[in-house]
């Protein structure tokens, strides 16, 4: 789905409920302590936020030097995509 400065975002399907989720995988190894703390703080903030217009947080965990954050899957994409489509249309052809 995407790659950011701190990790990779993938769509995953749960073996338990067969629903789609988003998994953010952030490397903790070889990362300076400030970036590690920022990643952990992100998970902590997401855990505390409960609003209909913000992607829902489900869980997070550390395994094999990676922080995994499991969140709601939004089929329409992220907010920046919606804004760009609203501003420039759903396709950017110059026809």
C-alpha atoms as a PDB file:
ATOM      1  CA  UNK A   1       0.000   0.000   0.000  1.00  0.00           C
ATOM      2  CA  UNK A   2       2.757   2.400   0.806  1.00  0.00           C
ATOM      3  CA  UNK A   3       6.112   3.215   2.279  1.00  0.00           C
ATOM      4  CA  UNK A   4       6.978   6.064   4.588  1.00  0.00           C
ATOM      5  CA  UNK A   5      10.047   7.468   6.260  1.00  0.00           C
ATOM      6  CA  UNK A   6       9.676   5.053   9.159  1.00  0.00           C
ATOM      7  CA  UNK A   7       8.193   1.916   7.673  1.00  0.00           C
ATOM      8  CA  UNK A   8       5.855   0.065   5.357  1.00  0.00           C
ATOM      9  CA  UNK A   9       2.060  -0.039   5.260  1.00  0.00           C
ATOM     10  CA  UNK A  10       0.313  -3.168   3.974  1.00  0.00           C
ATOM     11  CA  UNK A  11      -3.250  -4.394   3.683  1.00  0.00           C
ATOM     12  CA  UNK A  12      -3.630  -7.663   5.588  1.00  0.00           C
ATOM     13  CA  UNK A  13      -6.443 -10.150   6.172  1.00  0.00           C
ATOM     14  CA  UNK A  14      -7.047 -11.632   9.597  1.00  0.00           C
ATOM     15  CA  UNK A  15      -7.021 -15.418   9.910  1.00  0.00           C
ATOM     16  CA  UNK A  16      -9.470 -15.040  12.810  1.00  0.00           C
ATOM     17  CA  UNK A  17     -12.282 -12.874  11.416  1.00  0.00           C
ATOM     18  CA  UNK A  18     -11.279 -12.743   7.710  1.00  0.00           C
ATOM     19  CA  UNK A  19     -11.580  -8.932   7.697  1.00  0.00           C
ATOM     20  CA  UNK A  20      -9.153  -6.555   6.012  1.00  0.00           C
ATOM     21  CA  UNK A  21      -6.888  -4.393   8.155  1.00  0.00           C
ATOM     22  CA  UNK A  22      -3.912  -2.126   7.639  1.00  0.00           C
ATOM     23  CA  UNK A  23      -0.602  -3.150   9.187  1.00  0.00           C
ATOM     24  CA  UNK A  24       2.063  -0.524   9.666  1.00  0.00           C
ATOM     25  CA  UNK A  25       5.502  -2.118  10.136  1.00  0.00           C
ATOM     26  CA  UNK A  26       8.142   0.169  11.635  1.00  0.00           C
ATOM     27  CA  UNK A  27      11.744  -0.923  12.087  1.00  0.00           C
ATOM     28  CA  UNK A  28      13.089  -0.395  15.592  1.00  0.00           C
ATOM     29  CA  UNK A  29      16.551  -1.878  14.999  1.00  0.00           C
ATOM     30  CA  UNK A  30      19.314   0.518  14.041  1.00  0.00           C
ATOM     31  CA  UNK A  31      16.916   3.443  14.591  1.00  0.00           C
ATOM     32  CA  UNK A  32      17.936   6.273  16.858  1.00  0.00           C
ATOM     33  CA  UNK A  33      16.148   6.435  20.223  1.00  0.00           C
ATOM     34  CA  UNK A  34      14.202   9.591  19.303  1.00  0.00           C
ATOM     35  CA  UNK A  35      12.635   7.898  16.276  1.00  0.00           C
ATOM     36  CA  UNK A  36      11.874   4.799  18.342  1.00  0.00           C
ATOM     37  CA  UNK A  37      10.106   6.934  20.936  1.00  0.00           C
ATOM     38  CA  UNK A  38       8.171   8.768  18.200  1.00  0.00           C
ATOM     39  CA  UNK A  39       6.948   5.450  16.766  1.00  0.00           C
ATOM     40  CA  UNK A  40       5.864   4.200  20.187  1.00  0.00           C
ATOM     41  CA  UNK A  41       4.162   7.529  20.874  1.00  0.00           C
ATOM     42  CA  UNK A  42       2.269   7.262  17.573  1.00  0.00           C
ATOM     43  CA  UNK A  43       0.867   3.878  18.641  1.00  0.00           C
ATOM     44  CA  UNK A  44      -0.019   5.270  22.069  1.00  0.00           C
ATOM     45  CA  UNK A  45      -1.836   8.287  20.608  1.00  0.00           C
ATOM     46  CA  UNK A  46      -3.756   6.135  18.110  1.00  0.00           C
ATOM     47  CA  UNK A  47      -4.790   3.881  20.986  1.00  0.00           C
ATOM     48  CA  UNK A  48      -6.369   6.835  22.814  1.00  0.00           C
ATOM     49  CA  UNK A  49      -8.219   8.397  19.868  1.00  0.00           C
ATOM     50  CA  UNK A  50     -11.799   7.332  19.195  1.00  0.00           C
ATOM     51  CA  UNK A  51     -13.510   9.391  16.501  1.00  0.00           C
ATOM     52  CA  UNK A  52     -15.625   8.453  13.483  1.00  0.00           C
ATOM     53  CA  UNK A  53     -13.396  10.485  11.128  1.00  0.00           C
ATOM     54  CA  UNK A  54     -10.096   8.981  12.285  1.00  0.00           C
ATOM     55  CA  UNK A  55      -8.867   5.519  11.319  1.00  0.00           C
ATOM     56  CA  UNK A  56      -9.539   3.076  14.159  1.00  0.00           C
ATOM     57  CA  UNK A  57      -6.601   1.569  16.020  1.00  0.00           C
ATOM     58  CA  UNK A  58      -6.891  -2.101  16.973  1.00  0.00           C
ATOM     59  CA  UNK A  59      -3.579  -3.177  18.481  1.00  0.00           C
ATOM     60  CA  UNK A  60       0.182  -2.829  18.341  1.00  0.00           C
ATOM     61  CA  UNK A  61       3.079  -5.060  19.290  1.00  0.00           C
ATOM     62  CA  UNK A  62       6.826  -5.440  18.904  1.00  0.00           C
ATOM     63  CA  UNK A  63       8.241  -8.571  17.309  1.00  0.00           C
ATOM     64  CA  UNK A  64      11.714  -9.231  15.859  1.00  0.00           C
ATOM     65  CA  UNK A  65      12.780  -5.574  16.210  1.00  0.00           C
ATOM     66  CA  UNK A  66       9.689  -4.240  14.409  1.00  0.00           C
ATOM     67  CA  UNK A  67       6.759  -2.278  15.794  1.00  0.00           C
ATOM     68  CA  UNK A  68       3.499  -3.402  14.188  1.00  0.00           C
ATOM     69  CA  UNK A  69       0.401  -1.200  14.363  1.00  0.00           C
ATOM     70  CA  UNK A  70      -2.884  -2.773  13.244  1.00  0.00           C
ATOM     71  CA  UNK A  71      -5.550  -0.310  12.106  1.00  0.00           C
ATOM     72  CA  UNK A  72      -8.839  -0.107  10.261  1.00  0.00           C
ATOM     73  CA  UNK A  73      -8.684  -0.489   6.484  1.00  0.00           C
ATOM     74  CA  UNK A  74     -10.284   2.421   4.604  1.00  0.00           C
ATOM     75  CA  UNK A  75     -11.177   1.303   1.090  1.00  0.00           C
ATOM     76  CA  UNK A  76     -11.147   4.840  -0.302  1.00  0.00           C
ATOM     77  CA  UNK A  77      -7.498   5.398   0.604  1.00  0.00           C
ATOM     78  CA  UNK A  78      -6.017   8.035   2.865  1.00  0.00           C
ATOM     79  CA  UNK A  79      -7.136  11.617   3.386  1.00  0.00           C
ATOM     80  CA  UNK A  80      -4.478  13.086   1.089  1.00  0.00           C
ATOM     81  CA  UNK A  81      -5.785  10.951  -1.788  1.00  0.00           C
ATOM     82  CA  UNK A  82      -9.355  12.120  -1.197  1.00  0.00           C
ATOM     83  CA  UNK A  83      -8.244  15.766  -1.080  1.00  0.00           C
ATOM     84  CA  UNK A  84      -6.216  15.436  -4.303  1.00  0.00           C
ATOM     85  CA  UNK A  85      -9.142  13.804  -6.088  1.00  0.00           C
ATOM     86  CA  UNK A  86     -11.463  16.551  -4.857  1.00  0.00           C
ATOM     87  CA  UNK A  87      -9.079  19.284  -5.999  1.00  0.00           C
ATOM     88  CA  UNK A  88      -7.935  17.789  -9.306  1.00  0.00           C
ATOM     89  CA  UNK A  89     -10.549  15.178 -10.182  1.00  0.00           C
ATOM     90  CA  UNK A  90     -10.324  11.415 -10.067  1.00  0.00           C
ATOM     91  CA  UNK A  91      -7.982  11.278 -13.077  1.00  0.00           C
ATOM     92  CA  UNK A  92      -5.361  13.813 -13.967  1.00  0.00           C
ATOM     93  CA  UNK A  93      -5.498  13.478 -17.751  1.00  0.00           C
ATOM     94  CA  UNK A  94      -5.060  16.722 -19.684  1.00  0.00           C
ATOM     95  CA  UNK A  95      -7.551  15.679 -22.405  1.00  0.00           C
END
